[in-house]
Amino acid sequence: MTKPFSSVWTRQARPPRRSGLTRDQIVAATVELLDADGLEALSMRKLGARLNAGATSLYWYVANKDELLELALDEVWGLVETPDPDRTSWREVFTTFAYSLRATIRSHPWAASLLGQLPSVGPNAFALTDRLRRTCMRAGFDGADVYLATALVMSFILGQVIPELTYRKAVGGEVDHHSVLASMDQLAADYPQLRADYRDALPQDPEVARALAFDFGLVCVLDGMAARLGEAPTAGLGRPGSAPNAEEAHPGTQRRTR
């Protein structure tokens, strides 16, 4: 049995009540609470306490917690950086987008759990989608390929980040790398080359290893898109220089206005 589509964005936002509390304040406090304590800790009661307001007053703005999370998720989409595709190459746009989305999800890990669970149909999500759509069209994609290309890059980013977040949550942080190597020596005793690679060929810092995997994978994805467009692949990794984040790597990037 199908259900009708429902979203907080399908109806007009209500004006603030006489108490002075606004929807923007509620969303900002929601993001702060989620960043600090995670999805499991969010409740209308806790949010009301953070805002010095009763939980019932929040229902003037949202019908339920899912609508509140929709608002918070769109706030996160608004943090993702993308250059103007009219002034930047398609490859540079997707590179900046990829590193920025990775950094954003790592800073707000709860948002990853909401993707696919709640609709992303807010103004920030649509603005980002349209900018990526225009990027693909300027690159030479057309028809369904425009959206398939965007989905490909998105799938790669989330496929890299979500397992990392899941692992960190499961183990409560990082596992001591030296103990991992000691275990690999024992468990991979029948595979001497693998043992040697674990110690010598792969980065020993897990953060460096993740960044390297992301760099390599992104280049392969973008090279595949370039090949489909009849362009030559790039040389080297995806991120220019050694900047630690997309904003520093791409100083000309303009943040989207809401």
C-alpha atoms as a PDB file:
ATOM      1  CA  MET A   1       0.000   0.000   0.000  1.00  0.00           C
ATOM      2  CA  THR A   2       1.511   3.301  -1.085  1.00  0.00           C
ATOM      3  CA  LYS A   3       1.624   6.359   1.151  1.00  0.00           C
ATOM      4  CA  PRO A   4       1.232   9.970   0.040  1.00  0.00           C
ATOM      5  CA  PHE A   5       4.407  12.029  -0.014  1.00  0.00           C
ATOM      6  CA  SER A   6       4.900  14.118   3.093  1.00  0.00           C
ATOM      7  CA  SER A   7       7.512  16.765   3.847  1.00  0.00           C
ATOM      8  CA  VAL A   8       7.901  19.820   6.028  1.00  0.00           C
ATOM      9  CA  TRP A   9       8.684  21.739   2.834  1.00  0.00           C
ATOM     10  CA  THR A  10       5.272  21.136   1.253  1.00  0.00           C
ATOM     11  CA  ARG A  11       3.592  23.731   3.423  1.00  0.00           C
ATOM     12  CA  GLN A  12       4.273  27.364   4.215  1.00  0.00           C
ATOM     13  CA  ALA A  13       6.464  28.036   7.241  1.00  0.00           C
ATOM     14  CA  ARG A  14       4.492  29.424  10.146  1.00  0.00           C
ATOM     15  CA  PRO A  15       5.370  32.882  11.501  1.00  0.00           C
ATOM     16  CA  PRO A  16       7.089  33.124  14.902  1.00  0.00           C
ATOM     17  CA  ARG A  17       4.850  33.105  17.937  1.00  0.00           C
ATOM     18  CA  ARG A  18       4.812  35.902  20.493  1.00  0.00           C
ATOM     19  CA  SER A  19       7.517  34.127  22.485  1.00  0.00           C
ATOM     20  CA  GLY A  20       9.976  35.241  19.789  1.00  0.00           C
ATOM     21  CA  LEU A  21      11.279  31.756  18.968  1.00  0.00           C
ATOM     22  CA  THR A  22      11.907  31.361  15.218  1.00  0.00           C
ATOM     23  CA  ARG A  23      12.264  28.314  13.008  1.00  0.00           C
ATOM     24  CA  ASP A  24      15.859  29.296  12.220  1.00  0.00           C
ATOM     25  CA  GLN A  25      16.674  29.269  15.943  1.00  0.00           C
ATOM     26  CA  ILE A  26      15.065  25.854  16.326  1.00  0.00           C
ATOM     27  CA  VAL A  27      17.024  24.429  13.390  1.00  0.00           C
ATOM     28  CA  ALA A  28      20.326  25.858  14.657  1.00  0.00           C
ATOM     29  CA  ALA A  29      19.733  24.381  18.112  1.00  0.00           C
ATOM     30  CA  THR A  30      18.775  21.042  16.557  1.00  0.00           C
ATOM     31  CA  VAL A  31      22.026  20.866  14.595  1.00  0.00           C
ATOM     32  CA  GLU A  32      24.023  21.750  17.721  1.00  0.00           C
ATOM     33  CA  LEU A  33      22.280  19.028  19.716  1.00  0.00           C
ATOM     34  CA  LEU A  34      22.768  16.440  16.970  1.00  0.00           C
ATOM     35  CA  ASP A  35      26.450  17.342  16.602  1.00  0.00           C
ATOM     36  CA  ALA A  36      26.996  17.025  20.337  1.00  0.00           C
ATOM     37  CA  ASP A  37      24.934  13.947  21.180  1.00  0.00           C
ATOM     38  CA  GLY A  38      23.813  12.225  17.967  1.00  0.00           C
ATOM     39  CA  LEU A  39      20.448  11.191  16.564  1.00  0.00           C
ATOM     40  CA  GLU A  40      19.553   8.915  19.453  1.00  0.00           C
ATOM     41  CA  ALA A  41      19.683  11.805  21.922  1.00  0.00           C
ATOM     42  CA  LEU A  42      17.349  14.123  20.028  1.00  0.00           C
ATOM     43  CA  SER A  43      13.935  14.662  21.574  1.00  0.00           C
ATOM     44  CA  MET A  44      11.506  17.544  21.616  1.00  0.00           C
ATOM     45  CA  ARG A  45      11.936  17.767  25.371  1.00  0.00           C
ATOM     46  CA  LYS A  46      15.730  18.108  25.185  1.00  0.00           C
ATOM     47  CA  LEU A  47      15.510  20.562  22.329  1.00  0.00           C
ATOM     48  CA  GLY A  48      12.954  22.641  24.201  1.00  0.00           C
ATOM     49  CA  ALA A  49      15.209  22.721  27.249  1.00  0.00           C
ATOM     50  CA  ARG A  50      18.127  23.925  25.121  1.00  0.00           C
ATOM     51  CA  LEU A  51      15.943  26.731  23.788  1.00  0.00           C
ATOM     52  CA  ASN A  52      14.395  27.523  27.185  1.00  0.00           C
ATOM     53  CA  ALA A  53      11.009  26.675  25.726  1.00  0.00           C
ATOM     54  CA  GLY A  54       8.435  23.987  26.288  1.00  0.00           C
ATOM     55  CA  ALA A  55       8.417  20.989  23.972  1.00  0.00           C
ATOM     56  CA  THR A  56       4.838  21.748  22.968  1.00  0.00           C
ATOM     57  CA  SER A  57       5.846  25.154  21.617  1.00  0.00           C
ATOM     58  CA  LEU A  58       8.050  23.441  19.018  1.00  0.00           C
ATOM     59  CA  TYR A  59       5.039  21.766  17.444  1.00  0.00           C
ATOM     60  CA  TRP A  60       3.904  25.157  16.188  1.00  0.00           C
ATOM     61  CA  TYR A  61       6.752  24.895  13.663  1.00  0.00           C
ATOM     62  CA  VAL A  62       6.971  21.144  12.953  1.00  0.00           C
ATOM     63  CA  ALA A  63       4.454  18.320  13.153  1.00  0.00           C
ATOM     64  CA  ASN A  64       6.926  15.714  14.398  1.00  0.00           C
ATOM     65  CA  LYS A  65      10.596  14.875  14.860  1.00  0.00           C
ATOM     66  CA  ASP A  66      11.033  13.747  11.247  1.00  0.00           C
ATOM     67  CA  GLU A  67      10.081  17.207  10.030  1.00  0.00           C
ATOM     68  CA  LEU A  68      12.603  18.698  12.437  1.00  0.00           C
ATOM     69  CA  LEU A  69      15.276  16.381  11.040  1.00  0.00           C
ATOM     70  CA  GLU A  70      14.352  17.375   7.486  1.00  0.00           C
ATOM     71  CA  LEU A  71      15.067  20.986   8.381  1.00  0.00           C
ATOM     72  CA  ALA A  72      18.369  20.055  10.001  1.00  0.00           C
ATOM     73  CA  LEU A  73      19.399  17.937   7.009  1.00  0.00           C
ATOM     74  CA  ASP A  74      18.782  20.794   4.603  1.00  0.00           C
ATOM     75  CA  GLU A  75      20.883  23.017   6.843  1.00  0.00           C
ATOM     76  CA  VAL A  76      23.760  20.587   6.308  1.00  0.00           C
ATOM     77  CA  TRP A  77      23.266  20.609   2.532  1.00  0.00           C
ATOM     78  CA  GLY A  78      23.694  24.367   2.730  1.00  0.00           C
ATOM     79  CA  LEU A  79      27.212  23.905   4.116  1.00  0.00           C
ATOM     80  CA  VAL A  80      28.491  22.021   1.055  1.00  0.00           C
ATOM     81  CA  GLU A  81      30.729  24.132  -1.165  1.00  0.00           C
ATOM     82  CA  THR A  82      30.509  24.169  -4.976  1.00  0.00           C
ATOM     83  CA  PRO A  83      32.090  26.678  -7.355  1.00  0.00           C
ATOM     84  CA  ASP A  84      30.038  28.440  -9.997  1.00  0.00           C
ATOM     85  CA  PRO A  85      29.933  26.072 -13.005  1.00  0.00           C
ATOM     86  CA  ASP A  86      29.736  29.072 -15.337  1.00  0.00           C
ATOM     87  CA  ARG A  87      33.237  30.115 -14.263  1.00  0.00           C
ATOM     88  CA  THR A  88      34.857  26.797 -13.305  1.00  0.00           C
ATOM     89  CA  SER A  89      35.610  23.559 -15.136  1.00  0.00           C
ATOM     90  CA  TRP A  90      33.257  20.661 -14.484  1.00  0.00           C
ATOM     91  CA  ARG A  91      36.101  18.650 -12.988  1.00  0.00           C
ATOM     92  CA  GLU A  92      37.000  21.400 -10.538  1.00  0.00           C
ATOM     93  CA  VAL A  93      33.355  21.758  -9.500  1.00  0.00           C
ATOM     94  CA  PHE A  94      32.995  18.055  -8.738  1.00  0.00           C
ATOM     95  CA  THR A  95      36.379  17.916  -7.004  1.00  0.00           C
ATOM     96  CA  THR A  96      35.474  20.792  -4.693  1.00  0.00           C
ATOM     97  CA  PHE A  97      32.006  19.333  -4.115  1.00  0.00           C
ATOM     98  CA  ALA A  98      33.442  15.913  -3.244  1.00  0.00           C
ATOM     99  CA  TYR A  99      35.964  17.154  -0.694  1.00  0.00           C
ATOM    100  CA  SER A 100      33.481  19.581   0.821  1.00  0.00           C
ATOM    101  CA  LEU A 101      30.736  16.969   1.168  1.00  0.00           C
ATOM    102  CA  ARG A 102      33.208  14.543   2.728  1.00  0.00           C
ATOM    103  CA  ALA A 103      34.297  17.155   5.273  1.00  0.00           C
ATOM    104  CA  THR A 104      30.702  18.190   5.961  1.00  0.00           C
ATOM    105  CA  ILE A 105      29.455  14.654   6.602  1.00  0.00           C
ATOM    106  CA  ARG A 106      32.453  13.911   8.813  1.00  0.00           C
ATOM    107  CA  SER A 107      31.632  17.037  10.840  1.00  0.00           C
ATOM    108  CA  HIS A 108      27.925  16.162  11.034  1.00  0.00           C
ATOM    109  CA  PRO A 109      27.909  12.340  10.984  1.00  0.00           C
ATOM    110  CA  TRP A 110      24.249  12.088  11.976  1.00  0.00           C
ATOM    111  CA  ALA A 111      23.300  13.508   8.572  1.00  0.00           C
ATOM    112  CA  ALA A 112      24.577  10.393   6.800  1.00  0.00           C
ATOM    113  CA  SER A 113      22.018   8.283   8.655  1.00  0.00           C
ATOM    114  CA  LEU A 114      19.187  10.436   7.308  1.00  0.00           C
ATOM    115  CA  LEU A 115      20.098  10.111   3.627  1.00  0.00           C
ATOM    116  CA  GLY A 116      17.568   7.813   2.015  1.00  0.00           C
ATOM    117  CA  GLN A 117      15.479   7.866   5.171  1.00  0.00           C
ATOM    118  CA  LEU A 118      14.171  11.411   4.773  1.00  0.00           C
ATOM    119  CA  PRO A 119      13.613  13.387   1.560  1.00  0.00           C
ATOM    120  CA  SER A 120      16.146  16.048   0.602  1.00  0.00           C
ATOM    121  CA  VAL A 121      13.739  18.524  -0.966  1.00  0.00           C
ATOM    122  CA  GLY A 122      14.594  21.724   0.886  1.00  0.00           C
ATOM    123  CA  PRO A 123      15.926  24.920  -0.730  1.00  0.00           C
ATOM    124  CA  ASN A 124      19.582  24.160  -0.027  1.00  0.00           C
ATOM    125  CA  ALA A 125      19.311  20.639  -1.425  1.00  0.00           C
ATOM    126  CA  PHE A 126      17.630  21.890  -4.595  1.00  0.00           C
ATOM    127  CA  ALA A 127      20.175  24.698  -5.047  1.00  0.00           C
ATOM    128  CA  LEU A 128      23.038  22.218  -4.779  1.00  0.00           C
ATOM    129  CA  THR A 129      21.365  19.730  -7.122  1.00  0.00           C
ATOM    130  CA  ASP A 130      20.763  22.429  -9.710  1.00  0.00           C
ATOM    131  CA  ARG A 131      24.357  23.615  -9.554  1.00  0.00           C
ATOM    132  CA  LEU A 132      25.580  20.064 -10.158  1.00  0.00           C
ATOM    133  CA  ARG A 133      23.022  19.667 -12.949  1.00  0.00           C
ATOM    134  CA  ARG A 134      24.357  22.771 -14.686  1.00  0.00           C
ATOM    135  CA  THR A 135      27.900  21.505 -14.188  1.00  0.00           C
ATOM    136  CA  CYS A 136      27.100  18.243 -15.962  1.00  0.00           C
ATOM    137  CA  MET A 137      25.339  20.010 -18.819  1.00  0.00           C
ATOM    138  CA  ARG A 138      28.275  22.360 -19.382  1.00  0.00           C
ATOM    139  CA  ALA A 139      30.578  19.337 -19.360  1.00  0.00           C
ATOM    140  CA  GLY A 140      28.606  17.765 -22.208  1.00  0.00           C
ATOM    141  CA  PHE A 141      26.314  15.287 -20.495  1.00  0.00           C
ATOM    142  CA  ASP A 142      22.682  15.311 -21.499  1.00  0.00           C
ATOM    143  CA  GLY A 143      19.402  13.590 -20.735  1.00  0.00           C
ATOM    144  CA  ALA A 144      19.437  11.076 -17.916  1.00  0.00           C
ATOM    145  CA  ASP A 145      23.260  11.050 -17.955  1.00  0.00           C
ATOM    146  CA  VAL A 146      23.202  14.442 -16.216  1.00  0.00           C
ATOM    147  CA  TYR A 147      21.638  12.941 -13.116  1.00  0.00           C
ATOM    148  CA  LEU A 148      23.414   9.587 -13.388  1.00  0.00           C
ATOM    149  CA  ALA A 149      26.792  11.358 -13.394  1.00  0.00           C
ATOM    150  CA  THR A 150      25.873  13.351 -10.296  1.00  0.00           C
ATOM    151  CA  ALA A 151      24.580  10.211  -8.576  1.00  0.00           C
ATOM    152  CA  LEU A 152      27.835   8.421  -9.417  1.00  0.00           C
ATOM    153  CA  VAL A 153      29.956  11.028  -7.649  1.00  0.00           C
ATOM    154  CA  MET A 154      27.558  11.157  -4.707  1.00  0.00           C
ATOM    155  CA  SER A 155      27.610   7.366  -4.362  1.00  0.00           C
ATOM    156  CA  PHE A 156      31.400   7.336  -4.335  1.00  0.00           C
ATOM    157  CA  ILE A 157      31.603  10.005  -1.620  1.00  0.00           C
ATOM    158  CA  LEU A 158      29.060   8.345   0.648  1.00  0.00           C
ATOM    159  CA  GLY A 159      30.543   4.920  -0.033  1.00  0.00           C
ATOM    160  CA  GLN A 160      33.858   6.193   1.317  1.00  0.00           C
ATOM    161  CA  VAL A 161      32.555   8.163   4.278  1.00  0.00           C
ATOM    162  CA  ILE A 162      29.713   6.052   5.698  1.00  0.00           C
ATOM    163  CA  PRO A 163      31.805   2.926   6.476  1.00  0.00           C
ATOM    164  CA  GLU A 164      34.320   5.172   8.253  1.00  0.00           C
ATOM    165  CA  LEU A 165      31.581   6.730  10.386  1.00  0.00           C
ATOM    166  CA  THR A 166      30.050   3.327  11.120  1.00  0.00           C
ATOM    167  CA  TYR A 167      33.425   1.945  12.179  1.00  0.00           C
ATOM    168  CA  ARG A 168      34.178   4.897  14.443  1.00  0.00           C
ATOM    169  CA  LYS A 169      30.795   4.616  16.104  1.00  0.00           C
ATOM    170  CA  ALA A 170      31.160   0.857  16.601  1.00  0.00           C
ATOM    171  CA  VAL A 171      34.606   1.013  18.210  1.00  0.00           C
ATOM    172  CA  GLY A 172      34.126   4.346  19.971  1.00  0.00           C
ATOM    173  CA  GLY A 173      36.912   6.154  18.098  1.00  0.00           C
ATOM    174  CA  GLU A 174      40.127   4.918  16.529  1.00  0.00           C
ATOM    175  CA  VAL A 175      41.766   1.549  17.199  1.00  0.00           C
ATOM    176  CA  ASP A 176      45.469   1.600  18.062  1.00  0.00           C
ATOM    177  CA  HIS A 177      47.231   1.002  14.750  1.00  0.00           C
ATOM    178  CA  HIS A 178      50.165  -0.845  16.293  1.00  0.00           C
ATOM    179  CA  SER A 179      47.822  -3.428  17.756  1.00  0.00           C
ATOM    180  CA  VAL A 180      46.205  -3.799  14.325  1.00  0.00           C
ATOM    181  CA  LEU A 181      49.590  -4.486  12.726  1.00  0.00           C
ATOM    182  CA  ALA A 182      50.447  -7.020  15.415  1.00  0.00           C
ATOM    183  CA  SER A 183      47.161  -8.812  14.784  1.00  0.00           C
ATOM    184  CA  MET A 184      47.718  -8.789  11.016  1.00  0.00           C
ATOM    185  CA  ASP A 185      51.138 -10.394  11.511  1.00  0.00           C
ATOM    186  CA  GLN A 186      49.423 -13.254  13.279  1.00  0.00           C
ATOM    187  CA  LEU A 187      46.244 -13.559  11.219  1.00  0.00           C
ATOM    188  CA  ALA A 188      47.947 -13.217   7.825  1.00  0.00           C
ATOM    189  CA  ALA A 189      50.817 -15.558   8.639  1.00  0.00           C
ATOM    190  CA  ASP A 190      50.093 -17.618   5.514  1.00  0.00           C
ATOM    191  CA  TYR A 191      50.236 -14.526   3.288  1.00  0.00           C
ATOM    192  CA  PRO A 192      53.712 -12.998   3.699  1.00  0.00           C
ATOM    193  CA  GLN A 193      53.285 -10.447   0.906  1.00  0.00           C
ATOM    194  CA  LEU A 194      50.078  -9.126   2.475  1.00  0.00           C
ATOM    195  CA  ARG A 195      51.865  -8.849   5.816  1.00  0.00           C
ATOM    196  CA  ALA A 196      54.671  -6.893   4.185  1.00  0.00           C
ATOM    197  CA  ASP A 197      52.215  -4.597   2.420  1.00  0.00           C
ATOM    198  CA  TYR A 198      50.360  -3.859   5.652  1.00  0.00           C
ATOM    199  CA  ARG A 199      53.629  -2.748   7.232  1.00  0.00           C
ATOM    200  CA  ASP A 200      55.511  -1.152   4.363  1.00  0.00           C
ATOM    201  CA  ALA A 201      53.296  -0.239   1.409  1.00  0.00           C
ATOM    202  CA  LEU A 202      50.167   1.127   3.092  1.00  0.00           C
ATOM    203  CA  PRO A 203      50.036   4.348   5.167  1.00  0.00           C
ATOM    204  CA  GLN A 204      50.246   3.592   8.879  1.00  0.00           C
ATOM    205  CA  ASP A 205      48.176   6.616   9.843  1.00  0.00           C
ATOM    206  CA  PRO A 206      44.498   5.632   9.316  1.00  0.00           C
ATOM    207  CA  GLU A 207      43.561   9.227   8.513  1.00  0.00           C
ATOM    208  CA  VAL A 208      46.206   9.393   5.790  1.00  0.00           C
ATOM    209  CA  ALA A 209      45.083   6.037   4.421  1.00  0.00           C
ATOM    210  CA  ARG A 210      41.477   7.225   4.197  1.00  0.00           C
ATOM    211  CA  ALA A 211      42.481  10.462   2.488  1.00  0.00           C
ATOM    212  CA  LEU A 212      44.652   8.580  -0.001  1.00  0.00           C
ATOM    213  CA  ALA A 213      41.831   6.159  -0.799  1.00  0.00           C
ATOM    214  CA  PHE A 214      39.460   9.078  -1.321  1.00  0.00           C
ATOM    215  CA  ASP A 215      41.937  10.912  -3.570  1.00  0.00           C
ATOM    216  CA  PHE A 216      42.603   7.841  -5.699  1.00  0.00           C
ATOM    217  CA  GLY A 217      38.960   6.837  -5.978  1.00  0.00           C
ATOM    218  CA  LEU A 218      37.763  10.316  -6.894  1.00  0.00           C
ATOM    219  CA  VAL A 219      40.327  10.581  -9.693  1.00  0.00           C
ATOM    220  CA  CYS A 220      39.189   7.223 -11.071  1.00  0.00           C
ATOM    221  CA  VAL A 221      35.529   8.299 -10.971  1.00  0.00           C
ATOM    222  CA  LEU A 222      36.212  11.631 -12.674  1.00  0.00           C
ATOM    223  CA  ASP A 223      38.525   9.991 -15.223  1.00  0.00           C
ATOM    224  CA  GLY A 224      35.689   7.613 -16.080  1.00  0.00           C
ATOM    225  CA  MET A 225      33.337  10.544 -16.586  1.00  0.00           C
ATOM    226  CA  ALA A 226      35.969  12.307 -18.706  1.00  0.00           C
ATOM    227  CA  ALA A 227      36.410   9.195 -20.844  1.00  0.00           C
ATOM    228  CA  ARG A 228      32.673   9.095 -21.484  1.00  0.00           C
ATOM    229  CA  LEU A 229      32.911  12.704 -22.620  1.00  0.00           C
ATOM    230  CA  GLY A 230      35.920  11.926 -24.814  1.00  0.00           C
ATOM    231  CA  GLU A 231      38.366  13.876 -22.639  1.00  0.00           C
ATOM    232  CA  ALA A 232      41.838  12.865 -21.526  1.00  0.00           C
ATOM    233  CA  PRO A 233      42.317  11.660 -17.932  1.00  0.00           C
ATOM    234  CA  THR A 234      44.096  13.831 -15.391  1.00  0.00           C
ATOM    235  CA  ALA A 235      47.536  13.202 -13.932  1.00  0.00           C
ATOM    236  CA  GLY A 236      48.077  12.713 -10.206  1.00  0.00           C
ATOM    237  CA  LEU A 237      45.526  12.753  -7.429  1.00  0.00           C
ATOM    238  CA  GLY A 238      42.284  14.660  -7.287  1.00  0.00           C
ATOM    239  CA  ARG A 239      43.104  17.257  -4.671  1.00  0.00           C
ATOM    240  CA  PRO A 240      45.440  20.096  -5.744  1.00  0.00           C
ATOM    241  CA  GLY A 241      48.535  20.390  -3.558  1.00  0.00           C
ATOM    242  CA  SER A 242      48.259  19.156   0.005  1.00  0.00           C
ATOM    243  CA  ALA A 243      45.466  21.362   1.333  1.00  0.00           C
ATOM    244  CA  PRO A 244      43.573  19.643   4.160  1.00  0.00           C
ATOM    245  CA  ASN A 245      40.108  20.642   3.003  1.00  0.00           C
ATOM    246  CA  ALA A 246      38.194  21.745  -0.040  1.00  0.00           C
ATOM    247  CA  GLU A 247      38.017  25.403   0.946  1.00  0.00           C
ATOM    248  CA  GLU A 248      41.796  25.726   1.254  1.00  0.00           C
ATOM    249  CA  ALA A 249      42.383  23.566  -1.807  1.00  0.00           C
ATOM    250  CA  HIS A 250      40.127  25.779  -3.900  1.00  0.00           C
ATOM    251  CA  PRO A 251      40.409  29.371  -2.621  1.00  0.00           C
ATOM    252  CA  GLY A 252      38.186  30.665  -5.422  1.00  0.00           C
ATOM    253  CA  THR A 253      35.212  28.618  -4.293  1.00  0.00           C
ATOM    254  CA  GLN A 254      32.139  30.651  -3.489  1.00  0.00           C
ATOM    255  CA  ARG A 255      29.792  29.409  -0.811  1.00  0.00           C
ATOM    256  CA  ARG A 256      26.201  29.174  -1.934  1.00  0.00           C
ATOM    257  CA  THR A 257      23.841  31.753  -0.575  1.00  0.00           C
ATOM    258  CA  ARG A 258      20.604  30.519   0.902  1.00  0.00           C
END
